Amino acid sequence: MTSGKKLKGVVLAGGTGSRLHPLTSVTNKHLLPVYDRPMVYYPLQTLARAGVKEAMLVTGGQNAGDFLPLIGDGSRFGFERLQYAYQHEAGGIAQALGLAEPFVGDDDVLVILGDNIIEGNLGAAAADFAGQDQGAKLVLTRVDTPESYGVVELDGDRIVGIEEKPTEPKSNLIATGFYFYDAAVFRYVKELKPSGRGELEITDVNNHYVREGRMTYTVLDGFWADGGESIDSYLEAINLVAARGANDRAPLP
């Protein structure tokens, strides 16, 4: 991270939550409980534990207003400033990230998908990223079903490609929903073309950095859970968090 820049945080908590229907028929999936707290608490606490002091929450849909009484000004999480942005349509992760440009400005940013939960924290990854002059950093993990995610191809210790949901994965390493970017990310987002799903894909953004040789990575210790992938993954996230025990979890804000 270039000297003088801050690391700001963005939590993306939009989407339709269709994979968790009917649970999400009347609420945003990020408001669903995961053990002893709402799902959205986990990414917010991950930001705070990584040293982030200024954050933005991007959401959408008919339940967007429910986040305000739950999270407030963010001070209970330790944030000095928390802003909100509204995504008017489900246009993809990269589109939602683009809404944060006025908030991030020329600073660097840690982006977290609101349904991603980890056992550890990203403090070491944030420190490593601060030592980069520019570029991006992915947080990777190994899974048994990589074909369901963005699969990372390595050549030695260098990322050479990321393929979204391949039928024949080239590794079992996937990109989780934790991304460190410099401010160039917003230029890349503006250059994107919609995918076959009609969305702006975060994998395309990441491959921009890969092609330029400006992408690094770290591999997670401990568990990673995607609470929004399916009903089964939601249940798995609850069970993984519950198994940790109260002493191993960040305290309730």
Protein backbone atom coordinates (compact mmCIF):
# COMPACT_ATOMS: atom_id res chain seq x y z
CA MET A 1 0.00 0.00 0.00
CA THR A 2 1.47 3.32 -1.06
CA SER A 3 2.60 5.56 1.80
CA GLY A 4 -0.13 7.91 2.99
CA LYS A 5 -3.01 5.74 1.82
CA LYS A 6 -5.57 4.21 4.13
CA LEU A 7 -7.04 0.74 3.88
CA LYS A 8 -10.79 1.21 3.73
CA GLY A 9 -13.34 -1.58 3.86
CA VAL A 10 -16.39 -2.45 1.77
CA VAL A 11 -18.91 -5.17 2.61
CA LEU A 12 -21.15 -6.25 -0.27
CA ALA A 13 -24.51 -7.34 1.10
CA GLY A 14 -26.86 -7.13 -1.85
CA GLY A 15 -28.20 -9.78 -4.22
CA THR A 16 -31.52 -11.57 -4.29
CA GLY A 17 -30.53 -14.52 -2.10
CA SER A 18 -32.40 -16.87 -4.44
CA ARG A 19 -30.24 -19.85 -3.45
CA LEU A 20 -31.58 -19.62 0.10
CA HIS A 21 -35.28 -19.39 -0.79
CA PRO A 22 -37.69 -19.54 0.94
CA LEU A 23 -35.63 -18.21 3.87
CA THR A 24 -34.90 -15.05 1.89
CA SER A 25 -38.43 -14.49 0.60
CA VAL A 26 -39.00 -11.81 3.25
CA THR A 27 -35.48 -10.71 4.20
CA ASN A 28 -31.97 -10.12 2.88
CA LYS A 29 -29.79 -13.24 3.32
CA HIS A 30 -27.12 -11.23 5.14
CA LEU A 31 -29.64 -10.56 7.93
CA LEU A 32 -30.20 -14.28 8.57
CA PRO A 33 -28.72 -15.64 11.81
CA VAL A 34 -25.47 -17.59 11.78
CA TYR A 35 -25.32 -19.12 15.25
CA ASP A 36 -25.42 -16.19 17.71
CA ARG A 37 -25.40 -13.15 15.40
CA PRO A 38 -26.63 -11.92 12.01
CA MET A 39 -24.57 -13.07 9.05
CA VAL A 40 -23.47 -9.51 8.19
CA TYR A 41 -21.75 -9.13 11.57
CA TYR A 42 -18.99 -11.54 10.53
CA PRO A 43 -17.57 -9.55 7.59
CA LEU A 44 -17.86 -6.32 9.56
CA GLN A 45 -15.90 -7.86 12.42
CA THR A 46 -13.35 -9.23 9.95
CA LEU A 47 -12.78 -5.70 8.64
CA ALA A 48 -12.40 -4.34 12.16
CA ARG A 49 -9.94 -7.08 13.15
CA ALA A 50 -7.87 -6.28 10.05
CA GLY A 51 -7.43 -2.72 11.30
CA VAL A 52 -9.98 -1.02 9.05
CA LYS A 53 -11.43 2.16 10.57
CA GLU A 54 -13.62 3.41 7.71
CA ALA A 55 -16.14 1.12 6.02
CA MET A 56 -19.05 1.08 3.61
CA LEU A 57 -21.90 -1.40 3.36
CA VAL A 58 -23.44 -1.84 -0.11
CA THR A 59 -26.86 -3.45 -0.18
CA GLY A 60 -30.07 -3.44 -2.21
CA GLY A 61 -33.57 -4.81 -2.47
CA GLN A 62 -36.63 -4.19 -0.33
CA ASN A 63 -34.91 -4.89 2.99
CA ALA A 64 -32.05 -2.41 2.62
CA GLY A 65 -33.45 -0.22 5.40
CA ASP A 66 -33.23 -3.07 7.91
CA PHE A 67 -29.43 -2.76 8.06
CA LEU A 68 -29.50 0.73 9.56
CA PRO A 69 -31.08 -0.07 12.96
CA LEU A 70 -28.98 -3.25 13.16
CA ILE A 71 -25.58 -1.70 12.39
CA GLY A 72 -26.11 2.01 12.95
CA ASP A 73 -23.05 4.21 12.53
CA GLY A 74 -20.68 1.26 12.93
CA SER A 75 -19.12 2.53 16.16
CA ARG A 76 -20.06 -0.67 18.00
CA PHE A 77 -17.70 -2.51 15.63
CA GLY A 78 -14.93 0.01 16.21
CA PHE A 79 -15.35 1.97 12.98
CA GLU A 80 -14.73 5.70 12.99
CA ARG A 81 -16.97 6.07 9.93
CA LEU A 82 -19.53 3.84 8.26
CA GLN A 83 -21.40 4.75 5.08
CA TYR A 84 -24.11 2.99 3.12
CA ALA A 85 -24.74 2.62 -0.62
CA TYR A 86 -27.75 1.21 -2.44
CA GLN A 87 -27.47 -1.10 -5.47
CA HIS A 88 -30.59 -0.58 -7.57
CA GLU A 89 -30.27 -3.84 -9.50
CA ALA A 90 -28.56 -7.20 -9.15
CA GLY A 91 -25.80 -6.30 -11.60
CA GLY A 92 -23.02 -8.38 -10.11
CA ILE A 93 -20.31 -8.10 -7.49
CA ALA A 94 -18.13 -5.80 -9.60
CA GLN A 95 -21.02 -3.41 -10.21
CA ALA A 96 -21.71 -3.25 -6.47
CA LEU A 97 -18.04 -2.54 -5.81
CA GLY A 98 -18.14 0.31 -8.33
CA LEU A 99 -20.66 2.12 -6.10
CA ALA A 100 -17.96 2.50 -3.47
CA GLU A 101 -15.63 4.59 -5.64
CA PRO A 102 -16.56 7.98 -4.10
CA PHE A 103 -16.04 6.51 -0.63
CA VAL A 104 -12.70 4.82 -1.36
CA GLY A 105 -11.24 7.62 -3.49
CA ASP A 106 -7.49 7.15 -4.00
CA ASP A 107 -7.12 4.84 -1.01
CA ASP A 108 -6.81 1.06 -1.01
CA VAL A 109 -9.74 -1.18 -0.18
CA LEU A 110 -10.51 -4.54 1.40
CA VAL A 111 -13.70 -5.91 -0.16
CA ILE A 112 -15.64 -8.67 1.60
CA LEU A 113 -18.67 -10.57 0.35
CA GLY A 114 -21.22 -10.36 3.12
CA ASP A 115 -21.91 -14.10 3.26
CA ASN A 116 -18.25 -15.15 3.70
CA ILE A 117 -17.10 -16.22 7.16
CA ILE A 118 -13.58 -17.20 8.25
CA GLU A 119 -12.13 -18.74 11.37
CA GLY A 120 -9.09 -16.48 11.62
CA ASN A 121 -8.49 -12.88 10.72
CA LEU A 122 -6.90 -10.96 7.87
CA GLY A 123 -4.47 -8.88 9.88
CA ALA A 124 -1.37 -10.57 8.42
CA ALA A 125 -2.77 -10.36 4.87
CA ALA A 126 -3.52 -6.66 5.36
CA ALA A 127 0.06 -6.09 6.56
CA ASP A 128 1.43 -7.93 3.53
CA PHE A 129 -0.76 -5.89 1.20
CA ALA A 130 0.44 -2.68 2.86
CA GLY A 131 3.95 -3.67 1.71
CA GLN A 132 2.88 -3.84 -1.94
CA ASP A 133 3.53 -0.75 -4.03
CA GLN A 134 0.37 -1.36 -6.03
CA GLY A 135 -1.94 -4.08 -7.30
CA ALA A 136 -4.21 -6.56 -5.58
CA LYS A 137 -4.19 -9.55 -3.27
CA LEU A 138 -6.55 -12.53 -3.21
CA VAL A 139 -7.36 -14.68 -0.20
CA LEU A 140 -7.42 -18.33 -1.27
CA THR A 141 -8.53 -21.58 0.31
CA ARG A 142 -8.62 -25.25 -0.69
CA VAL A 143 -11.99 -26.95 -1.20
CA ASP A 144 -13.32 -30.34 -2.23
CA THR A 145 -15.61 -28.93 -4.94
CA PRO A 146 -13.60 -26.22 -6.73
CA GLU A 147 -15.84 -26.45 -9.81
CA SER A 148 -18.43 -24.40 -7.87
CA TYR A 149 -16.12 -21.40 -7.47
CA GLY A 150 -13.47 -19.25 -9.12
CA VAL A 151 -10.52 -21.64 -9.47
CA VAL A 152 -6.99 -20.24 -9.29
CA GLU A 153 -4.21 -21.59 -11.49
CA LEU A 154 -0.67 -21.19 -10.16
CA ASP A 155 2.71 -21.34 -11.84
CA GLY A 156 5.08 -21.72 -8.93
CA ASP A 157 4.09 -18.97 -6.52
CA ARG A 158 2.46 -16.80 -9.18
CA ILE A 159 -1.22 -16.65 -10.15
CA VAL A 160 -1.52 -17.07 -13.91
CA GLY A 161 -5.29 -17.33 -14.26
CA ILE A 162 -8.68 -17.53 -12.55
CA GLU A 163 -11.48 -19.52 -14.15
CA GLU A 164 -15.06 -19.20 -12.94
CA LYS A 165 -16.79 -22.53 -12.22
CA PRO A 166 -14.76 -24.68 -14.64
CA THR A 167 -15.89 -28.19 -15.54
CA GLU A 168 -12.30 -29.39 -15.19
CA PRO A 169 -10.63 -27.39 -12.40
CA LYS A 170 -6.87 -26.89 -12.70
CA SER A 171 -6.44 -26.88 -8.91
CA ASN A 172 -8.42 -27.14 -5.71
CA LEU A 173 -7.48 -23.56 -4.76
CA ILE A 174 -10.31 -21.05 -5.05
CA ALA A 175 -10.66 -17.31 -4.58
CA THR A 176 -12.76 -16.60 -1.51
CA GLY A 177 -14.84 -13.47 -1.12
CA PHE A 178 -12.01 -11.37 0.35
CA TYR A 179 -10.19 -9.03 -2.02
CA PHE A 180 -7.53 -6.35 -1.49
CA TYR A 181 -7.33 -3.73 -4.26
CA ASP A 182 -5.62 -0.47 -5.07
CA ALA A 183 -7.74 2.36 -6.48
CA ALA A 184 -7.15 1.16 -10.06
CA VAL A 185 -9.90 -1.40 -9.44
CA PHE A 186 -12.54 1.21 -10.25
CA ARG A 187 -11.02 1.87 -13.65
CA TYR A 188 -11.13 -1.87 -14.36
CA VAL A 189 -14.78 -2.07 -13.28
CA LYS A 190 -15.71 0.71 -15.73
CA GLU A 191 -14.04 -1.19 -18.58
CA LEU A 192 -15.94 -4.44 -17.94
CA LYS A 193 -18.52 -5.91 -20.28
CA PRO A 194 -21.47 -7.86 -18.82
CA SER A 195 -21.03 -11.62 -18.75
CA GLY A 196 -23.48 -14.15 -20.15
CA ARG A 197 -25.41 -13.71 -16.90
CA GLY A 198 -25.76 -10.01 -17.63
CA GLU A 199 -23.55 -9.10 -14.67
CA LEU A 200 -20.17 -7.45 -14.13
CA GLU A 201 -18.02 -10.28 -12.80
CA ILE A 202 -15.41 -9.89 -10.07
CA THR A 203 -13.37 -12.70 -11.68
CA ASP A 204 -12.89 -10.47 -14.73
CA VAL A 205 -11.59 -7.70 -12.47
CA ASN A 206 -9.16 -10.10 -10.81
CA ASN A 207 -7.89 -11.36 -14.16
CA HIS A 208 -7.06 -7.76 -15.13
CA TYR A 209 -4.59 -7.70 -12.27
CA VAL A 210 -3.32 -11.19 -13.13
CA ARG A 211 -2.58 -10.22 -16.74
CA GLU A 212 -0.66 -7.17 -15.56
CA GLY A 213 1.36 -9.24 -13.08
CA ARG A 214 0.04 -7.21 -10.17
CA MET A 215 -1.83 -9.92 -8.24
CA THR A 216 -0.51 -11.63 -5.11
CA TYR A 217 -2.25 -14.06 -2.79
CA THR A 218 -2.39 -15.57 0.65
CA VAL A 219 -3.85 -18.94 1.68
CA LEU A 220 -6.21 -19.01 4.64
CA ASP A 221 -5.56 -20.89 7.84
CA GLY A 222 -8.67 -22.34 9.46
CA PHE A 223 -12.10 -22.72 7.98
CA TRP A 224 -13.84 -20.64 5.34
CA ALA A 225 -17.61 -20.78 4.91
CA ASP A 226 -19.86 -19.43 2.18
CA GLY A 227 -23.15 -18.88 3.95
CA GLY A 228 -25.04 -17.98 0.79
CA GLU A 229 -24.08 -20.68 -1.71
CA SER A 230 -26.92 -23.06 -0.78
CA ILE A 231 -29.06 -24.19 2.12
CA ASP A 232 -26.45 -26.87 2.86
CA SER A 233 -23.59 -24.35 2.86
CA TYR A 234 -25.62 -22.07 5.13
CA LEU A 235 -26.08 -24.93 7.60
CA GLU A 236 -22.38 -25.76 7.35
CA ALA A 237 -21.47 -22.17 8.18
CA ILE A 238 -23.65 -22.27 11.30
CA ASN A 239 -22.14 -25.58 12.44
CA LEU A 240 -18.54 -24.44 11.83
CA VAL A 241 -19.07 -21.25 13.82
CA ALA A 242 -20.87 -23.07 16.64
CA ALA A 243 -18.08 -25.66 16.91
CA ARG A 244 -15.46 -22.99 17.60
CA GLY A 245 -16.79 -22.21 21.06
CA ALA A 246 -17.55 -18.82 22.59
CA ASN A 247 -13.94 -18.10 23.56
CA ASP A 248 -12.73 -18.35 19.95
CA ARG A 249 -15.23 -15.93 18.42
CA ALA A 250 -15.06 -12.19 18.27
CA PRO A 251 -17.35 -10.81 21.02
CA LEU A 252 -20.74 -9.52 20.05
CA PRO A 253 -20.52 -5.78 19.35
